[in-house]
Amino acid sequence: MSLKPIFITATNTDVGKTYTALKLIKALSLQGLHVGIFKPIETGVIEDKPLDGVMLWEEAKKHNPKMQNLTIGDIVPYRFCLSASPYVAKGDTQISL
């Protein structure tokens, strides 16, 4: 079975995007799909640790061994310290790539 990419978005922080993605990883994996994850931007990152990105990556690795070959930089390439929309957060002087 093949599935088109799913893009999860919302207009605010802390509204359930990561929670929904975690549930989809599990549900789709149980259907035999090899689920990958990509979180292009994460804001509110402290000490270069994208907590949501790591959580999603760890869950995906449980179900898809190919995810082991990636790094957190592959999963979350843009990380901002300021916990705000990416448009606002990009004005922050500290960005990790």
PDB file of N, CA and C in Angstrom:
ATOM      1  N   MET A   1       0.849  -1.166   0.000  1.00  0.00           N
ATOM      2  CA  MET A   1       0.000   0.000   0.000  1.00  0.00           C
ATOM      3  C   MET A   1       0.898   1.233   0.000  1.00  0.00           C
ATOM      4  N   SER A   2       0.536   2.209  -0.799  1.00  0.00           N
ATOM      5  CA  SER A   2       1.286   3.447  -0.879  1.00  0.00           C
ATOM      6  C   SER A   2       0.383   4.599  -0.458  1.00  0.00           C
ATOM      7  N   LEU A   3       0.958   5.589   0.173  1.00  0.00           N
ATOM      8  CA  LEU A   3       0.194   6.723   0.664  1.00  0.00           C
ATOM      9  C   LEU A   3       0.904   8.002   0.271  1.00  0.00           C
ATOM     10  N   LYS A   4       0.155   8.997  -0.113  1.00  0.00           N
ATOM     11  CA  LYS A   4       0.738  10.293  -0.408  1.00  0.00           C
ATOM     12  C   LYS A   4       1.204  10.932   0.895  1.00  0.00           C
ATOM     13  N   PRO A   5       2.148  11.869   0.811  1.00  0.00           N
ATOM     14  CA  PRO A   5       2.606  12.553   2.023  1.00  0.00           C
ATOM     15  C   PRO A   5       1.460  13.261   2.748  1.00  0.00           C
ATOM     16  N   ILE A   6       1.559  13.281   4.043  1.00  0.00           N
ATOM     17  CA  ILE A   6       0.592  13.987   4.885  1.00  0.00           C
ATOM     18  C   ILE A   6       1.329  15.165   5.508  1.00  0.00           C
ATOM     19  N   PHE A   7       0.765  16.351   5.395  1.00  0.00           N
ATOM     20  CA  PHE A   7       1.360  17.554   5.954  1.00  0.00           C
ATOM     21  C   PHE A   7       0.445  18.053   7.062  1.00  0.00           C
ATOM     22  N   ILE A   8       0.964  18.117   8.281  1.00  0.00           N
ATOM     23  CA  ILE A   8       0.172  18.563   9.426  1.00  0.00           C
ATOM     24  C   ILE A   8       0.589  19.985   9.756  1.00  0.00           C
ATOM     25  N   THR A   9      -0.391  20.861   9.827  1.00  0.00           N
ATOM     26  CA  THR A   9      -0.111  22.259  10.131  1.00  0.00           C
ATOM     27  C   THR A   9      -1.237  22.836  10.975  1.00  0.00           C
ATOM     28  N   ALA A  10      -0.946  23.938  11.630  1.00  0.00           N
ATOM     29  CA  ALA A  10      -1.948  24.665  12.414  1.00  0.00           C
ATOM     30  C   ALA A  10      -1.460  26.090  12.572  1.00  0.00           C
ATOM     31  N   THR A  11      -2.330  26.934  13.069  1.00  0.00           N
ATOM     32  CA  THR A  11      -1.989  28.346  13.185  1.00  0.00           C
ATOM     33  C   THR A  11      -1.547  28.750  14.580  1.00  0.00           C
ATOM     34  N   ASN A  12      -1.266  27.806  15.437  1.00  0.00           N
ATOM     35  CA  ASN A  12      -0.856  28.146  16.792  1.00  0.00           C
ATOM     36  C   ASN A  12       0.063  27.066  17.339  1.00  0.00           C
ATOM     37  N   THR A  13       0.734  27.370  18.433  1.00  0.00           N
ATOM     38  CA  THR A  13       1.571  26.381  19.113  1.00  0.00           C
ATOM     39  C   THR A  13       0.730  25.637  20.139  1.00  0.00           C
ATOM     40  N   ASP A  14       1.176  24.444  20.483  1.00  0.00           N
ATOM     41  CA  ASP A  14       0.546  23.639  21.525  1.00  0.00           C
ATOM     42  C   ASP A  14      -0.931  23.338  21.242  1.00  0.00           C
ATOM     43  N   VAL A  15      -1.223  22.970  19.988  1.00  0.00           N
ATOM     44  CA  VAL A  15      -2.597  22.636  19.622  1.00  0.00           C
ATOM     45  C   VAL A  15      -2.767  21.171  19.219  1.00  0.00           C
ATOM     46  N   GLY A  16      -1.682  20.385  19.267  1.00  0.00           N
ATOM     47  CA  GLY A  16      -1.804  18.956  19.013  1.00  0.00           C
ATOM     48  C   GLY A  16      -1.184  18.437  17.735  1.00  0.00           C
ATOM     49  N   LYS A  17      -0.350  19.221  17.064  1.00  0.00           N
ATOM     50  CA  LYS A  17       0.269  18.755  15.817  1.00  0.00           C
ATOM     51  C   LYS A  17       1.179  17.554  16.073  1.00  0.00           C
ATOM     52  N   THR A  18       2.032  17.641  17.062  1.00  0.00           N
ATOM     53  CA  THR A  18       2.952  16.535  17.373  1.00  0.00           C
ATOM     54  C   THR A  18       2.177  15.321  17.862  1.00  0.00           C
ATOM     55  N   TYR A  19       1.193  15.541  18.708  1.00  0.00           N
ATOM     56  CA  TYR A  19       0.359  14.446  19.210  1.00  0.00           C
ATOM     57  C   TYR A  19      -0.314  13.708  18.047  1.00  0.00           C
ATOM     58  N   THR A  20      -0.875  14.466  17.126  1.00  0.00           N
ATOM     59  CA  THR A  20      -1.532  13.871  15.958  1.00  0.00           C
ATOM     60  C   THR A  20      -0.539  13.097  15.104  1.00  0.00           C
ATOM     61  N   ALA A  21       0.638  13.672  14.891  1.00  0.00           N
ATOM     62  CA  ALA A  21       1.669  13.001  14.089  1.00  0.00           C
ATOM     63  C   ALA A  21       2.104  11.695  14.751  1.00  0.00           C
ATOM     64  N   LEU A  22       2.267  11.697  16.069  1.00  0.00           N
ATOM     65  CA  LEU A  22       2.645  10.465  16.775  1.00  0.00           C
ATOM     66  C   LEU A  22       1.589   9.380  16.583  1.00  0.00           C
ATOM     67  N   LYS A  23       0.323   9.755  16.695  1.00  0.00           N
ATOM     68  CA  LYS A  23      -0.764   8.793  16.509  1.00  0.00           C
ATOM     69  C   LYS A  23      -0.790   8.263  15.073  1.00  0.00           C
ATOM     70  N   LEU A  24      -0.538   9.136  14.102  1.00  0.00           N
ATOM     71  CA  LEU A  24      -0.506   8.696  12.705  1.00  0.00           C
ATOM     72  C   LEU A  24       0.668   7.757  12.430  1.00  0.00           C
ATOM     73  N   ILE A  25       1.820   8.041  13.010  1.00  0.00           N
ATOM     74  CA  ILE A  25       2.979   7.156  12.836  1.00  0.00           C
ATOM     75  C   ILE A  25       2.617   5.750  13.291  1.00  0.00           C
ATOM     76  N   LYS A  26       2.022   5.654  14.478  1.00  0.00           N
ATOM     77  CA  LYS A  26       1.656   4.340  15.022  1.00  0.00           C
ATOM     78  C   LYS A  26       0.583   3.662  14.174  1.00  0.00           C
ATOM     79  N   ALA A  27      -0.488   4.381  13.867  1.00  0.00           N
ATOM     80  CA  ALA A  27      -1.612   3.788  13.142  1.00  0.00           C
ATOM     81  C   ALA A  27      -1.208   3.343  11.737  1.00  0.00           C
ATOM     82  N   LEU A  28      -0.473   4.172  11.031  1.00  0.00           N
ATOM     83  CA  LEU A  28      -0.071   3.817   9.669  1.00  0.00           C
ATOM     84  C   LEU A  28       0.963   2.692   9.664  1.00  0.00           C
ATOM     85  N   SER A  29       1.828   2.685  10.661  1.00  0.00           N
ATOM     86  CA  SER A  29       2.809   1.604  10.766  1.00  0.00           C
ATOM     87  C   SER A  29       2.120   0.267  11.019  1.00  0.00           C
ATOM     88  N   LEU A  30       1.074   0.283  11.828  1.00  0.00           N
ATOM     89  CA  LEU A  30       0.315  -0.946  12.088  1.00  0.00           C
ATOM     90  C   LEU A  30      -0.375  -1.464  10.830  1.00  0.00           C
ATOM     91  N   GLN A  31      -0.567  -0.606   9.851  1.00  0.00           N
ATOM     92  CA  GLN A  31      -1.157  -1.008   8.577  1.00  0.00           C
ATOM     93  C   GLN A  31      -0.097  -1.481   7.587  1.00  0.00           C
ATOM     94  N   GLY A  32       1.149  -1.556   8.053  1.00  0.00           N
ATOM     95  CA  GLY A  32       2.221  -2.075   7.210  1.00  0.00           C
ATOM     96  C   GLY A  32       2.983  -1.032   6.415  1.00  0.00           C
ATOM     97  N   LEU A  33       2.713   0.231   6.651  1.00  0.00           N
ATOM     98  CA  LEU A  33       3.433   1.280   5.937  1.00  0.00           C
ATOM     99  C   LEU A  33       4.757   1.596   6.628  1.00  0.00           C
ATOM    100  N   HIS A  34       5.744   1.967   5.856  1.00  0.00           N
ATOM    101  CA  HIS A  34       7.046   2.383   6.394  1.00  0.00           C
ATOM    102  C   HIS A  34       7.015   3.901   6.503  1.00  0.00           C
ATOM    103  N   VAL A  35       6.677   4.375   7.685  1.00  0.00           N
ATOM    104  CA  VAL A  35       6.446   5.795   7.911  1.00  0.00           C
ATOM    105  C   VAL A  35       7.756   6.511   8.203  1.00  0.00           C
ATOM    106  N   GLY A  36       7.913   7.656   7.560  1.00  0.00           N
ATOM    107  CA  GLY A  36       9.027   8.547   7.847  1.00  0.00           C
ATOM    108  C   GLY A  36       8.482   9.826   8.436  1.00  0.00           C
ATOM    109  N   ILE A  37       9.359  10.665   8.916  1.00  0.00           N
ATOM    110  CA  ILE A  37       8.930  11.917   9.533  1.00  0.00           C
ATOM    111  C   ILE A  37       9.891  13.019   9.137  1.00  0.00           C
ATOM    112  N   PHE A  38       9.362  14.200   8.918  1.00  0.00           N
ATOM    113  CA  PHE A  38      10.158  15.382   8.605  1.00  0.00           C
ATOM    114  C   PHE A  38       9.460  16.569   9.231  1.00  0.00           C
ATOM    115  N   LYS A  39      10.140  17.252  10.103  1.00  0.00           N
ATOM    116  CA  LYS A  39       9.621  18.464  10.750  1.00  0.00           C
ATOM    117  C   LYS A  39      10.539  19.587  10.307  1.00  0.00           C
ATOM    118  N   PRO A  40      10.197  20.286   9.239  1.00  0.00           N
ATOM    119  CA  PRO A  40      11.146  21.237   8.650  1.00  0.00           C
ATOM    120  C   PRO A  40      11.581  22.358   9.580  1.00  0.00           C
ATOM    121  N   ILE A  41      10.692  22.789  10.473  1.00  0.00           N
ATOM    122  CA  ILE A  41      11.009  23.891  11.382  1.00  0.00           C
ATOM    123  C   ILE A  41      10.477  23.550  12.767  1.00  0.00           C
ATOM    124  N   GLU A  42      11.305  23.796  13.787  1.00  0.00           N
ATOM    125  CA  GLU A  42      10.817  23.702  15.162  1.00  0.00           C
ATOM    126  C   GLU A  42      11.260  24.952  15.901  1.00  0.00           C
ATOM    127  N   THR A  43      10.308  25.574  16.584  1.00  0.00           N
ATOM    128  CA  THR A  43      10.611  26.752  17.383  1.00  0.00           C
ATOM    129  C   THR A  43      10.550  26.389  18.862  1.00  0.00           C
ATOM    130  N   GLY A  44      11.087  27.259  19.691  1.00  0.00           N
ATOM    131  CA  GLY A  44      11.130  26.979  21.124  1.00  0.00           C
ATOM    132  C   GLY A  44      12.190  25.958  21.487  1.00  0.00           C
ATOM    133  N   VAL A  45      13.232  25.872  20.678  1.00  0.00           N
ATOM    134  CA  VAL A  45      14.300  24.893  20.883  1.00  0.00           C
ATOM    135  C   VAL A  45      15.310  25.451  21.871  1.00  0.00           C
ATOM    136  N   ILE A  46      15.562  24.702  22.928  1.00  0.00           N
ATOM    137  CA  ILE A  46      16.520  25.098  23.956  1.00  0.00           C
ATOM    138  C   ILE A  46      17.743  24.196  23.858  1.00  0.00           C
ATOM    139  N   GLU A  47      18.922  24.810  23.865  1.00  0.00           N
ATOM    140  CA  GLU A  47      20.195  24.073  23.810  1.00  0.00           C
ATOM    141  C   GLU A  47      20.259  23.130  22.616  1.00  0.00           C
ATOM    142  N   ASP A  48      19.749  23.565  21.480  1.00  0.00           N
ATOM    143  CA  ASP A  48      19.797  22.812  20.224  1.00  0.00           C
ATOM    144  C   ASP A  48      19.154  21.422  20.337  1.00  0.00           C
ATOM    145  N   LYS A  49      18.129  21.291  21.184  1.00  0.00           N
ATOM    146  CA  LYS A  49      17.424  20.018  21.331  1.00  0.00           C
ATOM    147  C   LYS A  49      15.969  20.209  20.912  1.00  0.00           C
ATOM    148  N   PRO A  50      15.638  19.878  19.654  1.00  0.00           N
ATOM    149  CA  PRO A  50      14.257  20.001  19.202  1.00  0.00           C
ATOM    150  C   PRO A  50      13.397  18.871  19.783  1.00  0.00           C
ATOM    151  N   LEU A  51      12.770  19.123  20.916  1.00  0.00           N
ATOM    152  CA  LEU A  51      12.086  18.065  21.668  1.00  0.00           C
ATOM    153  C   LEU A  51      10.996  17.368  20.858  1.00  0.00           C
ATOM    154  N   ASP A  52      10.160  18.112  20.160  1.00  0.00           N
ATOM    155  CA  ASP A  52       9.104  17.475  19.371  1.00  0.00           C
ATOM    156  C   ASP A  52       9.703  16.656  18.232  1.00  0.00           C
ATOM    157  N   GLY A  53      10.702  17.214  17.564  1.00  0.00           N
ATOM    158  CA  GLY A  53      11.350  16.499  16.471  1.00  0.00           C
ATOM    159  C   GLY A  53      11.982  15.198  16.937  1.00  0.00           C
ATOM    160  N   VAL A  54      12.634  15.233  18.088  1.00  0.00           N
ATOM    161  CA  VAL A  54      13.250  14.015  18.643  1.00  0.00           C
ATOM    162  C   VAL A  54      12.173  12.993  18.984  1.00  0.00           C
ATOM    163  N   MET A  55      11.078  13.451  19.578  1.00  0.00           N
ATOM    164  CA  MET A  55       9.994  12.536  19.944  1.00  0.00           C
ATOM    165  C   MET A  55       9.414  11.858  18.695  1.00  0.00           C
ATOM    166  N   LEU A  56       9.184  12.625  17.651  1.00  0.00           N
ATOM    167  CA  LEU A  56       8.655  12.062  16.399  1.00  0.00           C
ATOM    168  C   LEU A  56       9.645  11.094  15.766  1.00  0.00           C
ATOM    169  N   TRP A  57      10.907  11.473  15.749  1.00  0.00           N
ATOM    170  CA  TRP A  57      11.952  10.638  15.161  1.00  0.00           C
ATOM    171  C   TRP A  57      12.074   9.317  15.908  1.00  0.00           C
ATOM    172  N   GLU A  58      12.079   9.378  17.237  1.00  0.00           N
ATOM    173  CA  GLU A  58      12.186   8.151  18.043  1.00  0.00           C
ATOM    174  C   GLU A  58      11.013   7.213  17.771  1.00  0.00           C
ATOM    175  N   GLU A  59       9.818   7.765  17.660  1.00  0.00           N
ATOM    176  CA  GLU A  59       8.648   6.921  17.371  1.00  0.00           C
ATOM    177  C   GLU A  59       8.756   6.303  15.979  1.00  0.00           C
ATOM    178  N   ALA A  60       9.173   7.093  15.001  1.00  0.00           N
ATOM    179  CA  ALA A  60       9.309   6.576  13.636  1.00  0.00           C
ATOM    180  C   ALA A  60      10.371   5.486  13.570  1.00  0.00           C
ATOM    181  N   LYS A  61      11.468   5.636  14.310  1.00  0.00           N
ATOM    182  CA  LYS A  61      12.534   4.620  14.316  1.00  0.00           C
ATOM    183  C   LYS A  61      12.056   3.287  14.872  1.00  0.00           C
ATOM    184  N   LYS A  62      11.093   3.304  15.787  1.00  0.00           N
ATOM    185  CA  LYS A  62      10.552   2.054  16.342  1.00  0.00           C
ATOM    186  C   LYS A  62       9.893   1.213  15.256  1.00  0.00           C
ATOM    187  N   HIS A  63       9.326   1.867  14.273  1.00  0.00           N
ATOM    188  CA  HIS A  63       8.534   1.185  13.251  1.00  0.00           C
ATOM    189  C   HIS A  63       9.229   1.080  11.900  1.00  0.00           C
ATOM    190  N   ASN A  64      10.214   1.928  11.656  1.00  0.00           N
ATOM    191  CA  ASN A  64      10.878   1.959  10.355  1.00  0.00           C
ATOM    192  C   ASN A  64      12.392   2.005  10.565  1.00  0.00           C
ATOM    193  N   PRO A  65      13.076   0.868  10.424  1.00  0.00           N
ATOM    194  CA  PRO A  65      14.515   0.813  10.671  1.00  0.00           C
ATOM    195  C   PRO A  65      15.327   1.773   9.799  1.00  0.00           C
ATOM    196  N   LYS A  66      14.818   2.145   8.632  1.00  0.00           N
ATOM    197  CA  LYS A  66      15.556   3.062   7.757  1.00  0.00           C
ATOM    198  C   LYS A  66      15.715   4.447   8.388  1.00  0.00           C
ATOM    199  N   MET A  67      14.872   4.771   9.325  1.00  0.00           N
ATOM    200  CA  MET A  67      14.970   6.068  10.002  1.00  0.00           C
ATOM    201  C   MET A  67      16.231   6.146  10.868  1.00  0.00           C
ATOM    202  N   GLN A  68      16.815   4.987  11.214  1.00  0.00           N
ATOM    203  CA  GLN A  68      18.038   4.942  12.029  1.00  0.00           C
ATOM    204  C   GLN A  68      19.209   5.604  11.314  1.00  0.00           C
ATOM    205  N   ASN A  69      19.176   5.618   9.988  1.00  0.00           N
ATOM    206  CA  ASN A  69      20.284   6.156   9.198  1.00  0.00           C
ATOM    207  C   ASN A  69      20.308   7.676   9.149  1.00  0.00           C
ATOM    208  N   LEU A  70      19.285   8.312   9.688  1.00  0.00           N
ATOM    209  CA  LEU A  70      19.184   9.764   9.640  1.00  0.00           C
ATOM    210  C   LEU A  70      19.676  10.400  10.936  1.00  0.00           C
ATOM    211  N   THR A  71      19.887  11.696  10.899  1.00  0.00           N
ATOM    212  CA  THR A  71      20.248  12.454  12.097  1.00  0.00           C
ATOM    213  C   THR A  71      19.100  13.393  12.432  1.00  0.00           C
ATOM    214  N   ILE A  72      19.132  13.980  13.608  1.00  0.00           N
ATOM    215  CA  ILE A  72      18.097  14.939  13.973  1.00  0.00           C
ATOM    216  C   ILE A  72      18.161  16.154  13.045  1.00  0.00           C
ATOM    217  N   GLY A  73      19.326  16.454  12.512  1.00  0.00           N
ATOM    218  CA  GLY A  73      19.455  17.534  11.543  1.00  0.00           C
ATOM    219  C   GLY A  73      18.726  17.242  10.242  1.00  0.00           C
ATOM    220  N   ASP A  74      18.622  15.966   9.883  1.00  0.00           N
ATOM    221  CA  ASP A  74      17.845  15.575   8.710  1.00  0.00           C
ATOM    222  C   ASP A  74      16.346  15.728   8.973  1.00  0.00           C
ATOM    223  N   ILE A  75      15.946  15.448  10.193  1.00  0.00           N
ATOM    224  CA  ILE A  75      14.536  15.475  10.571  1.00  0.00           C
ATOM    225  C   ILE A  75      14.056  16.903  10.819  1.00  0.00           C
ATOM    226  N   VAL A  76      14.866  17.705  11.531  1.00  0.00           N
ATOM    227  CA  VAL A  76      14.505  19.090  11.871  1.00  0.00           C
ATOM    228  C   VAL A  76      15.655  20.006  11.440  1.00  0.00           C
ATOM    229  N   PRO A  77      15.680  20.402  10.166  1.00  0.00           N
ATOM    230  CA  PRO A  77      16.820  21.201   9.695  1.00  0.00           C
ATOM    231  C   PRO A  77      16.854  22.642  10.197  1.00  0.00           C
ATOM    232  N   TYR A  78      15.717  23.228  10.510  1.00  0.00           N
ATOM    233  CA  TYR A  78      15.690  24.608  10.994  1.00  0.00           C
ATOM    234  C   TYR A  78      15.129  24.647  12.401  1.00  0.00           C
ATOM    235  N   ARG A  79      15.923  25.203  13.323  1.00  0.00           N
ATOM    236  CA  ARG A  79      15.543  25.256  14.734  1.00  0.00           C
ATOM    237  C   ARG A  79      15.761  26.675  15.244  1.00  0.00           C
ATOM    238  N   PHE A  80      14.728  27.216  15.903  1.00  0.00           N
ATOM    239  CA  PHE A  80      14.787  28.561  16.441  1.00  0.00           C
ATOM    240  C   PHE A  80      14.535  28.538  17.944  1.00  0.00           C
ATOM    241  N   CYS A  81      15.215  29.386  18.666  1.00  0.00           N
ATOM    242  CA  CYS A  81      15.045  29.463  20.122  1.00  0.00           C
ATOM    243  C   CYS A  81      13.688  30.053  20.514  1.00  0.00           C
ATOM    244  N   LEU A  82      13.269  31.084  19.815  1.00  0.00           N
ATOM    245  CA  LEU A  82      12.032  31.773  20.162  1.00  0.00           C
ATOM    246  C   LEU A  82      10.826  30.869  19.891  1.00  0.00           C
ATOM    247  N   SER A  83       9.980  30.711  20.890  1.00  0.00           N
ATOM    248  CA  SER A  83       8.777  29.891  20.746  1.00  0.00           C
ATOM    249  C   SER A  83       7.668  30.754  20.150  1.00  0.00           C
ATOM    250  N   ALA A  84       7.627  30.791  18.835  1.00  0.00           N
ATOM    251  CA  ALA A  84       6.653  31.607  18.111  1.00  0.00           C
ATOM    252  C   ALA A  84       6.512  31.028  16.712  1.00  0.00           C
ATOM    253  N   SER A  85       5.686  31.665  15.912  1.00  0.00           N
ATOM    254  CA  SER A  85       5.556  31.208  14.532  1.00  0.00           C
ATOM    255  C   SER A  85       6.922  31.314  13.853  1.00  0.00           C
ATOM    256  N   PRO A  86       7.207  30.454  12.893  1.00  0.00           N
ATOM    257  CA  PRO A  86       8.508  30.527  12.215  1.00  0.00           C
ATOM    258  C   PRO A  86       8.800  31.916  11.636  1.00  0.00           C
ATOM    259  N   TYR A  87       7.773  32.586  11.133  1.00  0.00           N
ATOM    260  CA  TYR A  87       7.969  33.921  10.573  1.00  0.00           C
ATOM    261  C   TYR A  87       8.503  34.886  11.630  1.00  0.00           C
ATOM    262  N   VAL A  88       7.965  34.802  12.831  1.00  0.00           N
ATOM    263  CA  VAL A  88       8.419  35.650  13.933  1.00  0.00           C
ATOM    264  C   VAL A  88       9.746  35.132  14.478  1.00  0.00           C
ATOM    265  N   ALA A  89       9.845  33.820  14.659  1.00  0.00           N
ATOM    266  CA  ALA A  89      11.033  33.225  15.269  1.00  0.00           C
ATOM    267  C   ALA A  89      12.298  33.434  14.433  1.00  0.00           C
ATOM    268  N   LYS A  90      12.163  33.533  13.121  1.00  0.00           N
ATOM    269  CA  LYS A  90      13.342  33.695  12.280  1.00  0.00           C
ATOM    270  C   LYS A  90      14.069  35.002  12.552  1.00  0.00           C
ATOM    271  N   GLY A  91      13.389  35.952  13.177  1.00  0.00           N
ATOM    272  CA  GLY A  91      14.038  37.195  13.567  1.00  0.00           C
ATOM    273  C   GLY A  91      14.985  37.014  14.733  1.00  0.00           C
ATOM    274  N   ASP A  92      14.893  35.877  15.416  1.00  0.00           N
ATOM    275  CA  ASP A  92      15.781  35.544  16.520  1.00  0.00           C
ATOM    276  C   ASP A  92      17.203  35.386  15.973  1.00  0.00           C
ATOM    277  N   THR A  93      18.175  35.869  16.706  1.00  0.00           N
ATOM    278  CA  THR A  93      19.559  35.823  16.216  1.00  0.00           C
ATOM    279  C   THR A  93      20.185  34.449  16.335  1.00  0.00           C
ATOM    280  N   GLN A  94      19.600  33.561  17.113  1.00  0.00           N
ATOM    281  CA  GLN A  94      20.190  32.239  17.284  1.00  0.00           C
ATOM    282  C   GLN A  94      19.400  31.219  16.481  1.00  0.00           C
ATOM    283  N   ILE A  95      20.042  30.644  15.495  1.00  0.00           N
ATOM    284  CA  ILE A  95      19.440  29.593  14.674  1.00  0.00           C
ATOM    285  C   ILE A  95      20.436  28.455  14.564  1.00  0.00           C
ATOM    286  N   SER A  96      19.946  27.253  14.679  1.00  0.00           N
ATOM    287  CA  SER A  96      20.805  26.074  14.544  1.00  0.00           C
ATOM    288  C   SER A  96      20.477  25.399  13.232  1.00  0.00           C
ATOM    289  N   LEU A  97      21.499  25.071  12.487  1.00  0.00           N
ATOM    290  CA  LEU A  97      21.319  24.335  11.231  1.00  0.00           C
ATOM    291  C   LEU A  97      22.173  23.099  11.238  1.00  0.00           C
TER     292      LEU A  97
END
